[in-house]
Amino acid sequence: MFIIDTLEFSKSLEKAGMQKNIAETLAEKIKESQLKSDEVLATKKDIEDLRIATKSDTESLRQEIKISMLTTIISLGTIVTLLEKFLK
């Protein structure tokens, strides 16, 4: 997982001309997304700790991880699109 310094991000947006309240709101939403991702994504250690025995269980868990990652990527894509509109 990657981490974004939301305070630095917010300040960078302000320097680029974005209104402070909008920059802070975007930064806060990114922080919330990071925290939610942390709660739902499984790590290799999680899988090892569970000692998943069957292939179907492993595949099911992998599918959940892929869906969570895709959701995060789509969210970030939306944020980038909004930023591009504000910065133009």
Protein backbone atom coordinates (compact mmCIF):
# COMPACT_ATOMS: atom_id res chain seq x y z
CA MET A 1 0.00 0.00 0.00
CA PHE A 2 1.15 3.52 -0.63
CA ILE A 3 0.80 6.47 1.72
CA ILE A 4 0.15 10.07 0.69
CA ASP A 5 1.20 12.90 2.99
CA THR A 6 -2.18 14.61 3.00
CA LEU A 7 -0.95 17.82 4.67
CA GLU A 8 1.76 18.25 2.02
CA PHE A 9 -0.78 17.34 -0.68
CA SER A 10 -3.23 19.98 0.57
CA LYS A 11 -0.52 22.66 0.70
CA SER A 12 0.62 21.78 -2.82
CA LEU A 13 -2.91 22.19 -4.13
CA GLU A 14 -3.22 25.57 -2.42
CA LYS A 15 0.08 26.70 -3.97
CA ALA A 16 -1.29 25.66 -7.35
CA GLY A 17 -4.25 27.99 -6.83
CA MET A 18 -6.94 25.75 -5.40
CA GLN A 19 -9.16 27.15 -2.66
CA LYS A 20 -8.00 26.07 0.79
CA ASN A 21 -11.30 24.43 1.78
CA ILE A 22 -11.40 22.34 -1.41
CA ALA A 23 -7.74 21.30 -1.03
CA GLU A 24 -8.32 20.29 2.59
CA THR A 25 -11.48 18.34 1.70
CA LEU A 26 -9.67 16.39 -1.03
CA ALA A 27 -6.78 15.64 1.32
CA GLU A 28 -9.19 14.45 4.02
CA LYS A 29 -11.00 12.15 1.56
CA ILE A 30 -7.68 10.63 0.49
CA LYS A 31 -6.81 10.03 4.15
CA GLU A 32 -10.18 8.33 4.71
CA SER A 33 -9.61 6.12 1.65
CA GLN A 34 -6.18 5.13 2.95
CA LEU A 35 -7.62 4.16 6.33
CA LYS A 36 -10.46 2.15 4.75
CA SER A 37 -8.02 0.36 2.47
CA ASP A 38 -5.93 -0.58 5.48
CA GLU A 39 -8.99 -2.10 7.16
CA VAL A 40 -10.12 -4.28 4.25
CA LEU A 41 -6.95 -5.39 2.48
CA ALA A 42 -5.37 -8.67 3.48
CA THR A 43 -1.60 -9.03 3.62
CA LYS A 44 0.55 -12.07 2.96
CA LYS A 45 0.93 -12.39 6.72
CA ASP A 46 -2.86 -12.45 7.12
CA ILE A 47 -3.06 -15.31 4.64
CA GLU A 48 -0.25 -17.20 6.35
CA ASP A 49 -1.84 -16.67 9.77
CA LEU A 50 -5.12 -18.08 8.56
CA ARG A 51 -3.34 -21.08 7.00
CA ILE A 52 -5.79 -21.26 4.18
CA ALA A 53 -6.06 -24.91 3.28
CA THR A 54 -8.01 -25.08 0.05
CA LYS A 55 -7.43 -23.53 -3.32
CA SER A 56 -10.99 -22.17 -3.50
CA ASP A 57 -10.50 -20.27 -0.23
CA THR A 58 -7.25 -18.84 -1.55
CA GLU A 59 -8.85 -17.84 -4.84
CA SER A 60 -11.77 -16.23 -3.02
CA LEU A 61 -9.41 -14.17 -0.87
CA ARG A 62 -7.34 -13.17 -3.89
CA GLN A 63 -10.53 -12.03 -5.63
CA GLU A 64 -11.47 -9.88 -2.62
CA ILE A 65 -8.00 -8.32 -2.62
CA LYS A 66 -8.23 -7.57 -6.35
CA ILE A 67 -11.65 -5.94 -5.92
CA SER A 68 -10.40 -3.78 -3.03
CA MET A 69 -7.36 -2.72 -5.02
CA LEU A 70 -9.47 -1.90 -8.07
CA THR A 71 -11.82 0.19 -5.94
CA THR A 72 -8.85 2.13 -4.57
CA ILE A 73 -7.44 2.69 -8.07
CA ILE A 74 -10.80 3.93 -9.36
CA SER A 75 -11.12 6.29 -6.40
CA LEU A 76 -7.66 7.71 -7.04
CA GLY A 77 -8.46 8.08 -10.75
CA THR A 78 -11.54 10.09 -9.85
CA ILE A 79 -9.51 12.32 -7.52
CA VAL A 80 -6.87 12.91 -10.21
CA THR A 81 -9.58 13.81 -12.74
CA LEU A 82 -11.11 16.31 -10.32
CA LEU A 83 -7.70 17.81 -9.60
CA GLU A 84 -6.99 18.23 -13.29
CA LYS A 85 -10.26 20.15 -13.69
CA PHE A 86 -9.47 22.43 -10.75
CA LEU A 87 -5.88 23.06 -11.81
CA LYS A 88 -6.71 24.05 -15.39
